[in-house]
Amino acid sequence: MIGLVLTVREVMTPQVVTIDYMQSVRNAARRMTKFGISSLLVIADDGLKGIITERDIVQRIVCSGLDPAETPVCEVMSEPVIVVGPEEPLEKAVELMLIQRIKKLPVMERDDGVMKLIGILSLLDVAQLHPDLLEGLRAMVEEQYASIEGDFYVS
């Protein structure tokens, strides 16, 4: 049964849209709109710093009355970022996403001692490729957390 276990590398999207951590939130929103995406990975010279999502913008900028043109991404991004390696089994990566309640996982690989961003894995990618895996893991996570928090669910 060699080769039946999919890895993150086989499903991830290698083209990652990023933004510099000092760019304005307005520029981040424009970049998301331009590429038709709901989040950007935030980078600096020394690597991955965070992720900014549409939800971050609504909750931390719009609801707070901040000026998106004057607010840098680094002030509202979500951090730290949970990452995954490219050779991680897809099932484990999806389980991590469901448990942590995140929709995107940056894929990092060590290259000459430095961690390098090589892709991104999204629940949408997984659902399109392997919907039964997503449903099976969702059921497992719901069952696991049912005894801990009666009203908890993964949507």
C-alpha atoms as a PDB file:
ATOM      1  CA  MET A   1       0.000   0.000   0.000  1.00  0.00           C
ATOM      2  CA  ILE A   2       2.822   2.401  -0.791  1.00  0.00           C
ATOM      3  CA  GLY A   3       1.855   5.904  -1.856  1.00  0.00           C
ATOM      4  CA  LEU A   4      -1.721   5.889  -0.549  1.00  0.00           C
ATOM      5  CA  VAL A   5      -1.082   8.435   2.198  1.00  0.00           C
ATOM      6  CA  LEU A   6      -1.266  11.955   0.799  1.00  0.00           C
ATOM      7  CA  THR A   7       1.165  14.519   2.148  1.00  0.00           C
ATOM      8  CA  VAL A   8       0.672  18.245   2.583  1.00  0.00           C
ATOM      9  CA  ARG A   9       3.076  18.876  -0.321  1.00  0.00           C
ATOM     10  CA  GLU A  10       0.772  16.994  -2.709  1.00  0.00           C
ATOM     11  CA  VAL A  11      -2.254  19.154  -1.882  1.00  0.00           C
ATOM     12  CA  MET A  12      -0.855  22.562  -0.897  1.00  0.00           C
ATOM     13  CA  THR A  13      -0.939  25.619  -3.130  1.00  0.00           C
ATOM     14  CA  PRO A  14       2.663  26.637  -3.875  1.00  0.00           C
ATOM     15  CA  GLN A  15       1.761  30.192  -4.922  1.00  0.00           C
ATOM     16  CA  VAL A  16       1.431  32.133  -1.674  1.00  0.00           C
ATOM     17  CA  VAL A  17       0.266  35.735  -1.605  1.00  0.00           C
ATOM     18  CA  THR A  18       2.062  37.691   1.114  1.00  0.00           C
ATOM     19  CA  ILE A  19       2.319  41.215   2.445  1.00  0.00           C
ATOM     20  CA  ASP A  20       5.073  43.018   4.315  1.00  0.00           C
ATOM     21  CA  TYR A  21       4.303  43.490   8.013  1.00  0.00           C
ATOM     22  CA  MET A  22       4.653  47.303   7.790  1.00  0.00           C
ATOM     23  CA  GLN A  23       2.187  47.737   4.900  1.00  0.00           C
ATOM     24  CA  SER A  24      -1.143  49.339   5.697  1.00  0.00           C
ATOM     25  CA  VAL A  25      -4.279  47.336   6.334  1.00  0.00           C
ATOM     26  CA  ARG A  26      -5.840  49.171   3.381  1.00  0.00           C
ATOM     27  CA  ASN A  27      -3.117  47.765   1.120  1.00  0.00           C
ATOM     28  CA  ALA A  28      -3.724  44.319   2.593  1.00  0.00           C
ATOM     29  CA  ALA A  29      -7.449  44.563   1.825  1.00  0.00           C
ATOM     30  CA  ARG A  30      -6.701  45.726  -1.705  1.00  0.00           C
ATOM     31  CA  ARG A  31      -4.301  42.824  -2.195  1.00  0.00           C
ATOM     32  CA  MET A  32      -6.891  40.327  -0.961  1.00  0.00           C
ATOM     33  CA  THR A  33      -9.446  41.818  -3.346  1.00  0.00           C
ATOM     34  CA  LYS A  34      -7.019  41.764  -6.276  1.00  0.00           C
ATOM     35  CA  PHE A  35      -6.262  38.064  -5.797  1.00  0.00           C
ATOM     36  CA  GLY A  36      -9.766  37.037  -4.679  1.00  0.00           C
ATOM     37  CA  ILE A  37      -8.549  35.616  -1.368  1.00  0.00           C
ATOM     38  CA  SER A  38      -9.555  36.025   2.266  1.00  0.00           C
ATOM     39  CA  SER A  39      -6.152  36.161   3.960  1.00  0.00           C
ATOM     40  CA  LEU A  40      -2.514  37.094   3.474  1.00  0.00           C
ATOM     41  CA  LEU A  41       0.584  35.730   5.114  1.00  0.00           C
ATOM     42  CA  VAL A  42       2.538  38.525   6.765  1.00  0.00           C
ATOM     43  CA  ILE A  43       6.283  38.529   6.237  1.00  0.00           C
ATOM     44  CA  ALA A  44       9.347  40.514   7.282  1.00  0.00           C
ATOM     45  CA  ASP A  45      13.002  40.211   6.324  1.00  0.00           C
ATOM     46  CA  ASP A  46      13.453  37.495   8.934  1.00  0.00           C
ATOM     47  CA  GLY A  47      10.497  35.384   7.787  1.00  0.00           C
ATOM     48  CA  LEU A  48       6.850  34.666   8.499  1.00  0.00           C
ATOM     49  CA  LYS A  49       5.341  36.908  11.183  1.00  0.00           C
ATOM     50  CA  GLY A  50       1.606  36.309  11.097  1.00  0.00           C
ATOM     51  CA  ILE A  51      -1.536  36.105   9.033  1.00  0.00           C
ATOM     52  CA  ILE A  52      -4.136  38.776   8.371  1.00  0.00           C
ATOM     53  CA  THR A  53      -7.664  37.741   7.482  1.00  0.00           C
ATOM     54  CA  GLU A  54     -10.839  39.511   6.459  1.00  0.00           C
ATOM     55  CA  ARG A  55     -12.107  38.717   9.941  1.00  0.00           C
ATOM     56  CA  ASP A  56      -9.093  40.472  11.513  1.00  0.00           C
ATOM     57  CA  ILE A  57      -9.859  43.546   9.429  1.00  0.00           C
ATOM     58  CA  VAL A  58     -13.540  43.598  10.373  1.00  0.00           C
ATOM     59  CA  GLN A  59     -13.004  42.934  14.077  1.00  0.00           C
ATOM     60  CA  ARG A  60      -9.825  44.900  14.724  1.00  0.00           C
ATOM     61  CA  ILE A  61     -10.136  47.799  12.265  1.00  0.00           C
ATOM     62  CA  VAL A  62     -13.749  48.387  11.270  1.00  0.00           C
ATOM     63  CA  CYS A  63     -15.336  47.625  14.666  1.00  0.00           C
ATOM     64  CA  SER A  64     -12.631  49.578  16.493  1.00  0.00           C
ATOM     65  CA  GLY A  65     -12.916  52.604  14.222  1.00  0.00           C
ATOM     66  CA  LEU A  66      -9.258  52.518  13.203  1.00  0.00           C
ATOM     67  CA  ASP A  67      -8.073  53.995   9.920  1.00  0.00           C
ATOM     68  CA  PRO A  68      -6.995  51.153   7.598  1.00  0.00           C
ATOM     69  CA  ALA A  69      -4.793  53.539   5.628  1.00  0.00           C
ATOM     70  CA  GLU A  70      -2.834  54.462   8.763  1.00  0.00           C
ATOM     71  CA  THR A  71      -2.747  51.132  10.596  1.00  0.00           C
ATOM     72  CA  PRO A  72       0.092  48.731   9.763  1.00  0.00           C
ATOM     73  CA  VAL A  73      -0.705  45.074   9.237  1.00  0.00           C
ATOM     74  CA  CYS A  74       1.571  44.087  12.144  1.00  0.00           C
ATOM     75  CA  GLU A  75      -0.799  45.784  14.604  1.00  0.00           C
ATOM     76  CA  VAL A  76      -3.829  43.670  13.677  1.00  0.00           C
ATOM     77  CA  MET A  77      -2.465  40.409  12.261  1.00  0.00           C
ATOM     78  CA  SER A  78      -3.031  37.118  14.035  1.00  0.00           C
ATOM     79  CA  GLU A  79       0.062  35.632  15.600  1.00  0.00           C
ATOM     80  CA  PRO A  80       1.771  33.313  16.229  1.00  0.00           C
ATOM     81  CA  VAL A  81       1.063  31.336  13.090  1.00  0.00           C
ATOM     82  CA  ILE A  82       0.640  27.586  13.243  1.00  0.00           C
ATOM     83  CA  VAL A  83       2.647  26.006  10.416  1.00  0.00           C
ATOM     84  CA  VAL A  84       3.128  22.544   8.983  1.00  0.00           C
ATOM     85  CA  GLY A  85       5.907  20.736   7.130  1.00  0.00           C
ATOM     86  CA  PRO A  86       5.440  19.551   3.546  1.00  0.00           C
ATOM     87  CA  GLU A  87       5.869  15.865   4.347  1.00  0.00           C
ATOM     88  CA  GLU A  88       3.237  15.856   7.096  1.00  0.00           C
ATOM     89  CA  PRO A  89       0.404  13.428   6.333  1.00  0.00           C
ATOM     90  CA  LEU A  90      -2.592  15.373   5.023  1.00  0.00           C
ATOM     91  CA  GLU A  91      -4.889  13.744   7.569  1.00  0.00           C
ATOM     92  CA  LYS A  92      -2.784  15.035  10.483  1.00  0.00           C
ATOM     93  CA  ALA A  93      -2.643  18.541   9.008  1.00  0.00           C
ATOM     94  CA  VAL A  94      -6.429  18.645   8.590  1.00  0.00           C
ATOM     95  CA  GLU A  95      -6.919  17.356  12.127  1.00  0.00           C
ATOM     96  CA  LEU A  96      -4.681  20.179  13.389  1.00  0.00           C
ATOM     97  CA  MET A  97      -6.692  22.738  11.411  1.00  0.00           C
ATOM     98  CA  LEU A  98      -9.990  21.480  12.798  1.00  0.00           C
ATOM     99  CA  ILE A  99      -8.750  21.319  16.389  1.00  0.00           C
ATOM    100  CA  GLN A 100      -7.211  24.805  16.194  1.00  0.00           C
ATOM    101  CA  ARG A 101     -10.222  26.120  14.250  1.00  0.00           C
ATOM    102  CA  ILE A 102      -8.120  27.567  11.443  1.00  0.00           C
ATOM    103  CA  LYS A 103      -8.743  27.465   7.715  1.00  0.00           C
ATOM    104  CA  LYS A 104      -5.202  27.986   6.421  1.00  0.00           C
ATOM    105  CA  LEU A 105      -1.852  26.410   7.270  1.00  0.00           C
ATOM    106  CA  PRO A 106       1.364  27.896   5.918  1.00  0.00           C
ATOM    107  CA  VAL A 107       3.771  25.203   4.738  1.00  0.00           C
ATOM    108  CA  MET A 108       7.365  25.714   5.840  1.00  0.00           C
ATOM    109  CA  GLU A 109      10.489  23.757   4.911  1.00  0.00           C
ATOM    110  CA  ARG A 110      14.022  23.976   6.267  1.00  0.00           C
ATOM    111  CA  ASP A 111      16.477  25.080   3.555  1.00  0.00           C
ATOM    112  CA  ASP A 112      20.130  25.419   4.587  1.00  0.00           C
ATOM    113  CA  GLY A 113      19.109  25.853   8.212  1.00  0.00           C
ATOM    114  CA  VAL A 114      16.514  28.530   7.457  1.00  0.00           C
ATOM    115  CA  MET A 115      12.750  27.987   7.514  1.00  0.00           C
ATOM    116  CA  LYS A 116      11.310  28.879   4.109  1.00  0.00           C
ATOM    117  CA  LEU A 117       7.666  29.440   3.157  1.00  0.00           C
ATOM    118  CA  ILE A 118       6.879  27.040   0.299  1.00  0.00           C
ATOM    119  CA  GLY A 119       3.096  26.936   0.162  1.00  0.00           C
ATOM    120  CA  ILE A 120      -0.228  27.099   1.924  1.00  0.00           C
ATOM    121  CA  LEU A 121      -2.808  24.445   2.723  1.00  0.00           C
ATOM    122  CA  SER A 122      -6.460  25.446   3.006  1.00  0.00           C
ATOM    123  CA  LEU A 123      -9.496  23.485   4.129  1.00  0.00           C
ATOM    124  CA  LEU A 124     -11.073  24.385   0.790  1.00  0.00           C
ATOM    125  CA  ASP A 125      -8.213  22.638  -1.057  1.00  0.00           C
ATOM    126  CA  VAL A 126      -8.774  19.535   1.061  1.00  0.00           C
ATOM    127  CA  ALA A 127     -12.565  19.624   0.686  1.00  0.00           C
ATOM    128  CA  GLN A 128     -12.308  19.841  -3.098  1.00  0.00           C
ATOM    129  CA  LEU A 129      -9.832  16.976  -3.306  1.00  0.00           C
ATOM    130  CA  HIS A 130     -10.932  14.709  -0.512  1.00  0.00           C
ATOM    131  CA  PRO A 131     -14.344  15.620   0.986  1.00  0.00           C
ATOM    132  CA  ASP A 132     -14.718  12.325   2.874  1.00  0.00           C
ATOM    133  CA  LEU A 133     -11.432  12.918   4.739  1.00  0.00           C
ATOM    134  CA  LEU A 134     -12.662  16.315   5.894  1.00  0.00           C
ATOM    135  CA  GLU A 135     -16.031  14.944   7.029  1.00  0.00           C
ATOM    136  CA  GLY A 136     -14.437  12.001   8.840  1.00  0.00           C
ATOM    137  CA  LEU A 137     -12.032  14.234  10.728  1.00  0.00           C
ATOM    138  CA  ARG A 138     -14.760  16.755  11.505  1.00  0.00           C
ATOM    139  CA  ALA A 139     -16.836  13.972  13.091  1.00  0.00           C
ATOM    140  CA  MET A 140     -13.806  12.768  15.072  1.00  0.00           C
ATOM    141  CA  VAL A 141     -13.051  16.256  16.390  1.00  0.00           C
ATOM    142  CA  GLU A 142     -16.700  16.860  17.296  1.00  0.00           C
ATOM    143  CA  GLU A 143     -16.793  13.552  19.179  1.00  0.00           C
ATOM    144  CA  GLN A 144     -13.496  14.282  20.936  1.00  0.00           C
ATOM    145  CA  TYR A 145     -14.684  17.692  22.145  1.00  0.00           C
ATOM    146  CA  ALA A 146     -18.288  16.727  22.911  1.00  0.00           C
ATOM    147  CA  SER A 147     -17.279  15.490  26.351  1.00  0.00           C
ATOM    148  CA  ILE A 148     -15.210  18.616  27.049  1.00  0.00           C
ATOM    149  CA  GLU A 149     -17.540  21.350  25.856  1.00  0.00           C
ATOM    150  CA  GLY A 150     -21.147  20.380  25.277  1.00  0.00           C
ATOM    151  CA  ASP A 151     -21.898  23.281  22.921  1.00  0.00           C
ATOM    152  CA  PHE A 152     -18.653  23.121  20.913  1.00  0.00           C
ATOM    153  CA  TYR A 153     -18.829  22.253  17.234  1.00  0.00           C
ATOM    154  CA  VAL A 154     -16.702  22.667  14.143  1.00  0.00           C
ATOM    155  CA  SER A 155     -18.510  24.442  11.351  1.00  0.00           C
END
